[in-house]
Amino acid sequence: MKTNAAGKPGAYVGIADLPNQVYRRVVKQGFTLNMLILGRTGLGKRTFVNSLFGVNVCDVSEQTDTSKTLTVEKETFQIETQGVRVLVNILTVPGFGDQIDNSAAEEVVSRYIDAQFQDYFEASHQRKSQSRRVDNRVFCCLYFLPPTGHQLTPLDILMMNSLGLRTNLIPVVARADSFTVDEREAFRELVRSQLSQNDIQIYVFPPDEDDGDANSRDSDFMRSLAPFAVVGSNTVTTRKDGSQVRVRKYPWGTVDIESPECSDLAVLRRLLLFNHLPDLVSVTDGLHYANYVRQVVSKVGPASDSRYISRQSLMKSPMKNGREPFSSPMNMEVDHEDVEACIDKMKEGFEKLFERKMAEKKERLQQIAKDFEDRYGDWEEDVQCKKARYLADKKEFERQVQEFAKAYPQISDRLVYERLKHSEARRAF
């Protein structure tokens, strides 16, 4: 049943313009992409970033100082295309994996990701939370694997296990032009098998819901390429048709990094930037951030029934519309409701903790007051005893004076005179 809100056929009330309103608001605010690029030195991570965005935003001539302490560094730049602005934060860890002992690397990265979750959590519950807050949560991590052709190292397994539980992990094979086609595919299968054996959770690009049959097959093929084998370059050459393309030049020939036969760079760019950037943010907010909130609640508040929801449990849920369950908007709403319930439980826990602390403080103050009262009561009783003793001594003294005066009448006048003189001296004093 269709109802005309204006009461007149054909009247336009503006509801159909809601998508345009949302579009204008989103374009005005812009987008933010926080991307962690992690891998050993010499794998071409900065070159890859330049190739991915098509502009030279990272200085590839900068040398990495492997002697300094591992820290997460941020490089920020803004890209604008057809009026749409994207603020890109590239996070790197210079010197990662270059030390003999790399045991601290996992702790440095995990602490940084958790710190961003904590900052976002605190900003979300401040009084000024209505204003637009800065979101520095890590939306995805591109983990670069060296093109060795061998199995993953213990450091790679440790890092990817930790990253898969905190952010959207996307494994990438660096310098894919080091392989032949057969070697590349064999290494890709080897990495897949080790990811499965070690229960490493990677981000699965969801299929496009509005794709047709042909586009759906292309989308499935692109998503099946993970881990993506990429080639990057800062060398730009001009084709015969006048277009410019980035290539790698060798004595035996030239490698076009945009060619799908040589590199998955174009496929990764399409999946990462063209199709699924909002989904990265949604999964970060609905899965990884929600898991962090559950962990916080389990530590400082009452025990939660769902302390941590792993990606495996979400994958066991029934799929809807061919979309991964942890990426579905319905599950995002459920996660948000769960987060709000966890926050309410945490507030209740803080209130109980506050009441308990206040009761303890009140009991302690009452005990201090009782001690003072007991001590003051002893003092008052002692004073009263001394006063009674003094009055008794005074009375006894006056009695003795009277008896002495009766015994010696000749000095009674002298005693009266001395007593008056003493009284006047006391009043003068």
Protein backbone atom coordinates (compact mmCIF):
# COMPACT_ATOMS: atom_id res chain seq x y z
CA MET A 1 0.00 0.00 0.00
CA LYS A 2 1.48 3.37 -1.07
CA THR A 3 0.63 6.51 0.86
CA ASN A 4 1.19 10.05 -0.37
CA ALA A 5 2.45 12.08 2.61
CA ALA A 6 1.54 15.39 0.99
CA GLY A 7 -2.07 14.36 0.47
CA LYS A 8 -1.91 15.12 -3.23
CA PRO A 9 -0.93 12.73 -6.04
CA GLY A 10 2.55 13.26 -7.38
CA ALA A 11 3.75 15.48 -4.53
CA TYR A 12 7.49 15.23 -3.79
CA VAL A 13 8.29 15.10 -0.08
CA GLY A 14 12.06 14.57 -0.32
CA ILE A 15 12.36 10.99 0.91
CA ALA A 16 13.90 9.91 -2.38
CA ASP A 17 16.69 12.44 -1.77
CA LEU A 18 17.94 10.67 1.38
CA PRO A 19 20.72 8.79 -0.49
CA ASN A 20 21.94 12.10 -1.88
CA GLN A 21 21.95 13.61 1.61
CA VAL A 22 24.01 10.72 2.93
CA TYR A 23 26.35 11.00 -0.05
CA ARG A 24 26.89 14.74 0.47
CA ARG A 25 27.55 14.24 4.17
CA VAL A 26 30.04 11.44 3.60
CA VAL A 27 31.86 13.35 0.87
CA LYS A 28 32.05 16.42 3.11
CA GLN A 29 33.51 14.45 6.03
CA GLY A 30 35.87 12.43 3.86
CA PHE A 31 37.25 8.98 4.52
CA THR A 32 40.12 7.67 6.63
CA LEU A 33 42.27 4.63 5.87
CA ASN A 34 44.66 3.43 8.58
CA MET A 35 46.88 0.77 7.06
CA LEU A 36 49.69 -1.12 8.80
CA ILE A 37 52.47 -2.21 6.43
CA LEU A 38 54.58 -4.86 8.15
CA GLY A 39 57.50 -6.91 6.92
CA ARG A 40 61.24 -7.23 6.93
CA THR A 41 63.55 -4.57 5.55
CA GLY A 42 64.20 -4.74 1.81
CA LEU A 43 60.86 -6.18 0.69
CA GLY A 44 59.79 -2.97 -1.09
CA LYS A 45 57.04 -1.86 1.30
CA ARG A 46 57.43 1.87 0.56
CA THR A 47 57.62 1.19 -3.16
CA PHE A 48 54.45 -0.87 -2.87
CA VAL A 49 52.59 2.02 -1.20
CA ASN A 50 53.65 4.37 -4.01
CA SER A 51 52.49 1.82 -6.58
CA LEU A 52 49.21 1.10 -4.80
CA PHE A 53 48.10 4.74 -4.72
CA GLY A 54 49.79 5.74 -7.97
CA VAL A 55 51.70 8.64 -6.42
CA ASN A 56 55.11 8.86 -4.75
CA VAL A 57 54.11 9.53 -1.15
CA CYS A 58 56.87 7.53 0.58
CA ASP A 59 60.55 8.34 0.35
CA VAL A 60 62.28 5.16 -0.79
CA SER A 61 65.77 6.64 -0.39
CA GLU A 62 65.45 6.75 3.41
CA GLN A 63 67.68 4.17 5.10
CA THR A 64 66.39 2.13 8.04
CA ASP A 65 68.32 2.38 11.28
CA THR A 66 68.24 -1.16 12.67
CA SER A 67 70.02 -0.17 15.88
CA LYS A 68 67.17 1.88 17.36
CA THR A 69 64.27 0.53 19.40
CA LEU A 70 61.28 -0.82 17.48
CA THR A 71 58.48 1.72 17.28
CA VAL A 72 55.43 2.22 15.09
CA GLU A 73 55.87 5.22 12.80
CA LYS A 74 53.09 7.01 10.94
CA GLU A 75 53.15 8.72 7.56
CA THR A 76 50.05 10.71 6.66
CA PHE A 77 48.96 12.01 3.29
CA GLN A 78 45.68 12.95 1.62
CA ILE A 79 44.40 11.86 -1.76
CA GLU A 80 41.52 13.61 -3.52
CA THR A 81 39.81 12.28 -6.63
CA GLN A 82 36.69 13.83 -8.15
CA GLY A 83 35.93 15.72 -4.96
CA VAL A 84 36.30 12.67 -2.67
CA ARG A 85 39.01 13.06 -0.02
CA VAL A 86 40.73 10.13 1.66
CA LEU A 87 43.13 10.65 4.56
CA VAL A 88 45.64 7.80 4.46
CA ASN A 89 47.73 6.89 7.51
CA ILE A 90 50.52 4.45 6.66
CA LEU A 91 51.92 2.71 9.72
CA THR A 92 55.33 1.04 9.55
CA VAL A 93 57.77 -0.57 11.98
CA PRO A 94 61.31 0.19 10.74
CA GLY A 95 63.77 -2.57 11.54
CA PHE A 96 61.08 -5.21 12.01
CA GLY A 97 62.56 -8.72 11.81
CA ASP A 98 66.12 -7.48 11.36
CA GLN A 99 67.33 -8.25 14.87
CA ILE A 100 68.72 -11.55 16.10
CA ASP A 101 66.12 -11.54 18.89
CA ASN A 102 62.75 -10.41 17.54
CA SER A 103 60.70 -11.46 20.55
CA ALA A 104 59.70 -7.85 21.31
CA ALA A 105 58.26 -7.17 17.84
CA GLU A 106 54.90 -8.83 18.52
CA GLU A 107 54.45 -6.95 21.79
CA VAL A 108 55.26 -3.57 20.18
CA VAL A 109 52.73 -4.01 17.38
CA SER A 110 49.95 -5.55 19.50
CA ARG A 111 50.32 -2.84 22.16
CA TYR A 112 50.01 -0.14 19.51
CA ILE A 113 46.83 -1.64 18.02
CA ASP A 114 45.29 -2.10 21.47
CA ALA A 115 46.24 1.47 22.41
CA GLN A 116 44.29 2.79 19.43
CA PHE A 117 41.29 0.72 20.49
CA GLN A 118 41.61 2.11 24.02
CA ASP A 119 41.81 5.72 22.79
CA TYR A 120 38.74 5.20 20.61
CA PHE A 121 36.88 3.56 23.52
CA GLU A 122 37.63 6.46 25.87
CA ALA A 123 36.70 9.06 23.24
CA SER A 124 33.41 7.24 22.59
CA HIS A 125 32.29 7.64 26.22
CA GLN A 126 33.23 11.22 26.89
CA ARG A 127 30.61 13.92 27.21
CA LYS A 128 31.67 15.45 23.93
CA SER A 129 31.32 12.14 22.10
CA GLN A 130 28.64 13.66 19.89
CA SER A 131 31.31 15.58 18.01
CA ARG A 132 33.20 13.79 15.26
CA ARG A 133 36.12 11.99 16.87
CA VAL A 134 39.38 10.95 15.29
CA ASP A 135 39.48 7.26 14.44
CA ASN A 136 43.05 5.92 14.56
CA ARG A 137 42.11 2.25 14.76
CA VAL A 138 44.08 0.02 12.40
CA PHE A 139 41.67 -1.05 9.67
CA CYS A 140 43.96 -3.54 7.94
CA CYS A 141 47.47 -4.93 7.95
CA LEU A 142 49.36 -5.92 4.84
CA TYR A 143 51.92 -8.46 6.03
CA PHE A 144 54.77 -8.87 3.54
CA LEU A 145 56.28 -12.32 3.14
CA PRO A 146 59.75 -12.68 1.60
CA PRO A 147 59.86 -14.61 -1.72
CA THR A 148 61.94 -17.47 -0.34
CA GLY A 149 59.79 -20.33 -1.57
CA HIS A 150 60.18 -21.95 1.86
CA GLN A 151 57.87 -22.32 4.81
CA LEU A 152 56.84 -19.45 7.07
CA THR A 153 59.27 -18.54 9.82
CA PRO A 154 58.27 -18.74 13.52
CA LEU A 155 58.24 -14.91 13.61
CA ASP A 156 55.80 -14.78 10.69
CA ILE A 157 53.48 -17.31 12.33
CA LEU A 158 53.63 -15.53 15.70
CA MET A 159 52.97 -12.10 14.20
CA MET A 160 50.14 -13.19 11.90
CA ASN A 161 48.44 -15.14 14.70
CA SER A 162 48.46 -12.00 16.83
CA LEU A 163 47.47 -9.64 14.00
CA GLY A 164 44.62 -11.87 12.82
CA LEU A 165 42.90 -11.44 16.20
CA ARG A 166 43.34 -7.66 16.25
CA THR A 167 42.88 -6.38 12.71
CA ASN A 168 42.06 -7.39 9.14
CA LEU A 169 45.15 -9.35 8.12
CA ILE A 170 46.02 -9.53 4.41
CA PRO A 171 49.16 -11.57 3.61
CA VAL A 172 51.17 -10.35 0.64
CA VAL A 173 54.06 -12.05 -1.18
CA ALA A 174 56.64 -9.36 -1.92
CA ARG A 175 58.82 -9.16 -5.04
CA ALA A 176 56.73 -11.73 -6.91
CA ASP A 177 58.85 -11.21 -10.03
CA SER A 178 61.53 -13.30 -8.27
CA PHE A 179 59.43 -16.40 -9.06
CA THR A 180 58.45 -18.13 -12.22
CA VAL A 181 54.71 -18.61 -12.63
CA ASP A 182 54.86 -22.20 -11.37
CA GLU A 183 57.07 -21.26 -8.42
CA ARG A 184 54.73 -18.41 -7.51
CA GLU A 185 51.66 -20.64 -7.46
CA ALA A 186 53.48 -23.34 -5.51
CA PHE A 187 54.58 -20.82 -2.88
CA ARG A 188 51.06 -19.42 -2.72
CA GLU A 189 49.66 -22.89 -1.97
CA LEU A 190 52.37 -23.50 0.62
CA VAL A 191 51.47 -20.28 2.43
CA ARG A 192 47.76 -21.13 2.34
CA SER A 193 48.36 -24.55 3.86
CA GLN A 194 50.48 -23.10 6.66
CA LEU A 195 47.91 -20.42 7.40
CA SER A 196 45.32 -23.16 7.77
CA GLN A 197 47.56 -25.43 9.86
CA ASN A 198 48.37 -22.64 12.33
CA ASP A 199 44.77 -21.33 12.53
CA ILE A 200 45.82 -17.90 11.33
CA GLN A 201 42.77 -15.74 10.68
CA ILE A 202 43.06 -13.62 7.55
CA TYR A 203 40.60 -11.14 6.14
CA VAL A 204 38.34 -12.66 3.49
CA PHE A 205 37.11 -10.16 0.94
CA PRO A 206 33.32 -10.57 0.73
CA PRO A 207 31.64 -10.95 -2.67
CA ASP A 208 29.95 -7.93 -4.19
CA GLU A 209 26.21 -8.21 -3.53
CA ASP A 210 25.26 -6.28 -6.68
CA ASP A 211 27.46 -8.30 -9.07
CA GLY A 212 25.99 -10.22 -11.95
CA ASP A 213 27.01 -13.78 -12.79
CA ALA A 214 30.03 -12.74 -14.87
CA ASN A 215 31.22 -10.14 -12.39
CA SER A 216 30.61 -12.57 -9.55
CA ARG A 217 32.93 -15.12 -11.15
CA ASP A 218 35.59 -12.43 -11.61
CA SER A 219 35.16 -11.38 -7.97
CA ASP A 220 35.50 -14.98 -6.77
CA PHE A 221 38.66 -15.38 -8.83
CA MET A 222 40.20 -12.19 -7.43
CA ARG A 223 39.40 -13.21 -3.85
CA SER A 224 40.90 -16.66 -4.42
CA LEU A 225 44.32 -15.16 -5.21
CA ALA A 226 45.18 -14.56 -1.53
CA PRO A 227 47.96 -14.36 -0.52
CA PHE A 228 48.47 -11.72 -3.18
CA ALA A 229 51.78 -11.77 -5.06
CA VAL A 230 52.72 -8.18 -5.87
CA VAL A 231 55.42 -6.25 -7.66
CA GLY A 232 56.08 -2.55 -7.02
CA SER A 233 58.06 0.08 -8.84
CA ASN A 234 58.84 3.80 -8.77
CA THR A 235 59.85 3.87 -12.44
CA VAL A 236 57.22 5.38 -14.72
CA THR A 237 57.31 4.89 -18.48
CA THR A 238 55.04 6.06 -21.30
CA ARG A 239 53.28 3.60 -23.56
CA LYS A 240 52.71 4.04 -27.25
CA ASP A 241 49.16 5.24 -26.65
CA GLY A 242 50.47 8.02 -24.37
CA SER A 243 49.39 6.45 -21.07
CA GLN A 244 51.87 6.13 -18.24
CA VAL A 245 52.54 2.93 -16.36
CA ARG A 246 54.94 1.81 -13.61
CA VAL A 247 57.41 -0.86 -14.69
CA ARG A 248 60.47 -2.69 -13.46
CA LYS A 249 63.32 -2.69 -15.96
CA TYR A 250 65.74 -5.59 -16.23
CA PRO A 251 68.52 -6.36 -18.72
CA TRP A 252 66.33 -9.07 -20.19
CA GLY A 253 63.13 -7.02 -20.41
CA THR A 254 60.47 -4.92 -18.68
CA VAL A 255 57.83 -6.04 -16.17
CA ASP A 256 54.52 -4.19 -16.16
CA ILE A 257 53.42 -4.21 -12.52
CA GLU A 258 49.80 -3.60 -13.54
CA SER A 259 49.70 -6.75 -15.65
CA PRO A 260 47.75 -9.57 -13.92
CA GLU A 261 50.18 -12.10 -15.42
CA CYS A 262 53.08 -10.60 -13.47
CA SER A 263 51.52 -9.10 -10.36
CA ASP A 264 48.30 -9.05 -8.32
CA LEU A 265 48.75 -5.35 -7.57
CA ALA A 266 45.80 -4.23 -9.71
CA VAL A 267 43.57 -6.92 -8.18
CA LEU A 268 44.56 -5.98 -4.64
CA ARG A 269 44.00 -2.30 -5.36
CA ARG A 270 40.54 -3.02 -6.73
CA LEU A 271 39.54 -5.18 -3.78
CA LEU A 272 41.14 -2.93 -1.18
CA LEU A 273 40.23 0.55 -2.43
CA PHE A 274 37.50 0.20 -5.04
CA ASN A 275 35.16 -2.34 -3.47
CA HIS A 276 35.76 -3.11 0.20
CA LEU A 277 37.15 -0.10 2.04
CA PRO A 278 33.86 0.42 3.98
CA ASP A 279 33.81 -3.28 4.82
CA LEU A 280 37.29 -3.04 6.38
CA VAL A 281 36.00 -0.31 8.68
CA SER A 282 32.82 -2.27 9.46
CA VAL A 283 34.67 -5.47 10.34
CA THR A 284 37.14 -3.50 12.47
CA ASP A 285 34.29 -1.86 14.38
CA GLY A 286 31.98 -4.86 14.64
CA LEU A 287 34.50 -7.64 15.23
CA HIS A 288 37.96 -6.59 16.39
CA TYR A 289 36.93 -3.50 18.37
CA ALA A 290 34.00 -5.40 19.88
CA ASN A 291 36.35 -8.19 20.96
CA TYR A 292 38.64 -5.65 22.59
CA VAL A 293 35.71 -4.15 24.50
CA ARG A 294 34.74 -7.63 25.71
CA GLN A 295 38.27 -8.18 26.98
CA VAL A 296 38.21 -4.84 28.80
CA VAL A 297 34.86 -5.67 30.38
CA SER A 298 36.09 -9.10 31.48
CA LYS A 299 39.04 -7.48 33.30
CA VAL A 300 37.43 -4.50 35.05
CA GLY A 301 33.77 -5.45 35.23
CA PRO A 302 31.55 -8.44 35.87
CA ALA A 303 32.26 -11.57 33.87
CA SER A 304 30.74 -11.49 30.41
CA ASP A 305 29.04 -14.46 28.82
CA SER A 306 30.86 -13.75 25.54
CA ARG A 307 34.33 -12.65 26.52
CA TYR A 308 35.77 -13.17 23.05
CA ILE A 309 34.14 -14.13 19.77
CA SER A 310 36.64 -15.63 17.37
CA ARG A 311 36.44 -15.46 13.63
CA GLN A 312 35.93 -19.24 13.53
CA SER A 313 32.70 -19.03 15.52
CA LEU A 314 31.45 -16.33 13.22
CA MET A 315 32.40 -18.38 10.17
CA LYS A 316 30.23 -21.23 11.49
CA SER A 317 27.17 -18.98 11.36
CA PRO A 318 24.90 -19.38 8.32
CA MET A 319 25.83 -17.16 5.40
CA LYS A 320 23.28 -14.72 4.05
CA ASN A 321 23.19 -13.50 0.48
CA GLY A 322 26.55 -15.21 -0.14
CA ARG A 323 28.28 -12.81 2.23
CA GLU A 324 30.65 -13.73 5.03
CA PRO A 325 28.73 -13.64 8.33
CA PHE A 326 31.20 -11.43 10.20
CA SER A 327 30.91 -8.81 7.48
CA SER A 328 27.11 -8.70 7.31
CA PRO A 329 25.30 -5.55 8.47
CA MET A 330 22.94 -7.69 10.57
CA ASN A 331 25.85 -9.13 12.56
CA MET A 332 27.33 -5.66 12.84
CA GLU A 333 24.10 -4.52 14.54
CA VAL A 334 24.23 -7.55 16.84
CA ASP A 335 27.85 -6.76 17.70
CA HIS A 336 26.92 -3.16 18.46
CA GLU A 337 24.12 -4.34 20.74
CA ASP A 338 26.55 -6.72 22.44
CA VAL A 339 29.05 -3.91 22.90
CA GLU A 340 26.39 -1.69 24.46
CA ALA A 341 25.38 -4.55 26.78
CA CYS A 342 29.01 -5.02 27.77
CA ILE A 343 29.33 -1.31 28.46
CA ASP A 344 26.21 -1.38 30.65
CA LYS A 345 27.67 -4.32 32.59
CA MET A 346 30.92 -2.46 32.99
CA LYS A 347 29.08 0.62 34.30
CA GLU A 348 27.20 -1.59 36.75
CA GLY A 349 30.49 -3.09 37.89
CA PHE A 350 32.02 0.36 38.40
CA GLU A 351 28.97 1.47 40.40
CA LYS A 352 29.23 -1.57 42.68
CA LEU A 353 32.96 -0.96 43.06
CA PHE A 354 32.28 2.70 43.93
CA GLU A 355 29.65 1.74 46.52
CA ARG A 356 31.98 -0.82 48.09
CA LYS A 357 34.84 1.70 48.28
CA MET A 358 32.53 4.32 49.79
CA ALA A 359 31.30 1.83 52.42
CA GLU A 360 34.87 0.95 53.33
CA LYS A 361 35.78 4.64 53.60
CA LYS A 362 32.74 5.37 55.77
CA GLU A 363 33.53 2.44 58.08
CA ARG A 364 37.13 3.63 58.40
CA LEU A 365 36.03 7.18 59.26
CA GLN A 366 33.56 5.85 61.86
CA GLN A 367 36.34 3.82 63.48
CA ILE A 368 38.58 6.91 63.62
CA ALA A 369 35.74 8.92 65.21
CA LYS A 370 35.16 6.15 67.77
CA ASP A 371 38.86 6.12 68.68
CA PHE A 372 38.81 9.88 69.21
CA GLU A 373 35.64 9.60 71.27
CA ASP A 374 37.14 6.91 73.49
CA ARG A 375 40.29 8.91 73.98
CA TYR A 376 38.35 12.12 74.75
CA GLY A 377 36.11 10.24 77.15
CA ASP A 378 39.17 9.04 79.11
CA TRP A 379 40.53 12.59 79.24
CA GLU A 380 37.23 13.98 80.54
CA GLU A 381 36.97 11.32 83.23
CA ASP A 382 40.54 12.02 84.33
CA VAL A 383 39.87 15.75 84.54
CA GLN A 384 36.75 15.18 86.60
CA CYS A 385 38.68 12.95 89.02
CA LYS A 386 41.45 15.54 89.39
CA LYS A 387 38.84 18.28 89.93
CA ALA A 388 37.09 16.25 92.66
CA ARG A 389 40.42 15.55 94.33
CA TYR A 390 41.33 19.23 94.22
CA LEU A 391 38.01 20.29 95.75
CA ALA A 392 38.43 17.69 98.51
CA ASP A 393 41.96 18.95 99.25
CA LYS A 394 40.69 22.54 99.33
CA LYS A 395 37.89 21.67 101.71
CA GLU A 396 40.31 19.78 103.96
CA PHE A 397 42.68 22.73 103.93
CA GLU A 398 39.93 25.20 104.94
CA ARG A 399 38.88 22.87 107.75
CA GLN A 400 42.42 22.76 109.06
CA VAL A 401 42.67 26.58 108.88
CA GLN A 402 39.51 26.94 110.92
CA GLU A 403 40.73 24.49 113.55
CA PHE A 404 44.05 26.33 113.71
CA ALA A 405 42.27 29.67 114.19
CA LYS A 406 40.21 28.25 117.03
CA ALA A 407 43.30 26.86 118.67
CA TYR A 408 45.20 30.18 118.37
CA PRO A 409 42.70 33.09 118.53
CA GLN A 410 45.45 35.66 118.81
CA ILE A 411 46.48 35.13 115.18
CA SER A 412 42.99 34.80 113.67
CA ASP A 413 42.94 38.49 112.68
CA ARG A 414 46.30 38.03 111.01
CA LEU A 415 44.97 35.05 109.02
CA VAL A 416 41.94 37.05 107.87
CA TYR A 417 44.21 39.90 106.75
CA GLU A 418 46.49 37.54 104.81
CA ARG A 419 43.51 35.87 103.18
CA LEU A 420 42.08 39.24 101.99
CA LYS A 421 45.49 40.31 100.74
CA HIS A 422 45.87 37.07 98.79
CA SER A 423 42.40 37.48 97.27
CA GLU A 424 43.16 41.06 96.11
CA ALA A 425 46.45 39.88 94.58
CA ARG A 426 44.65 37.16 92.65
CA ARG A 427 42.04 39.64 91.36
CA ALA A 428 44.79 42.06 90.34
CA PHE A 429 46.58 39.28 88.50
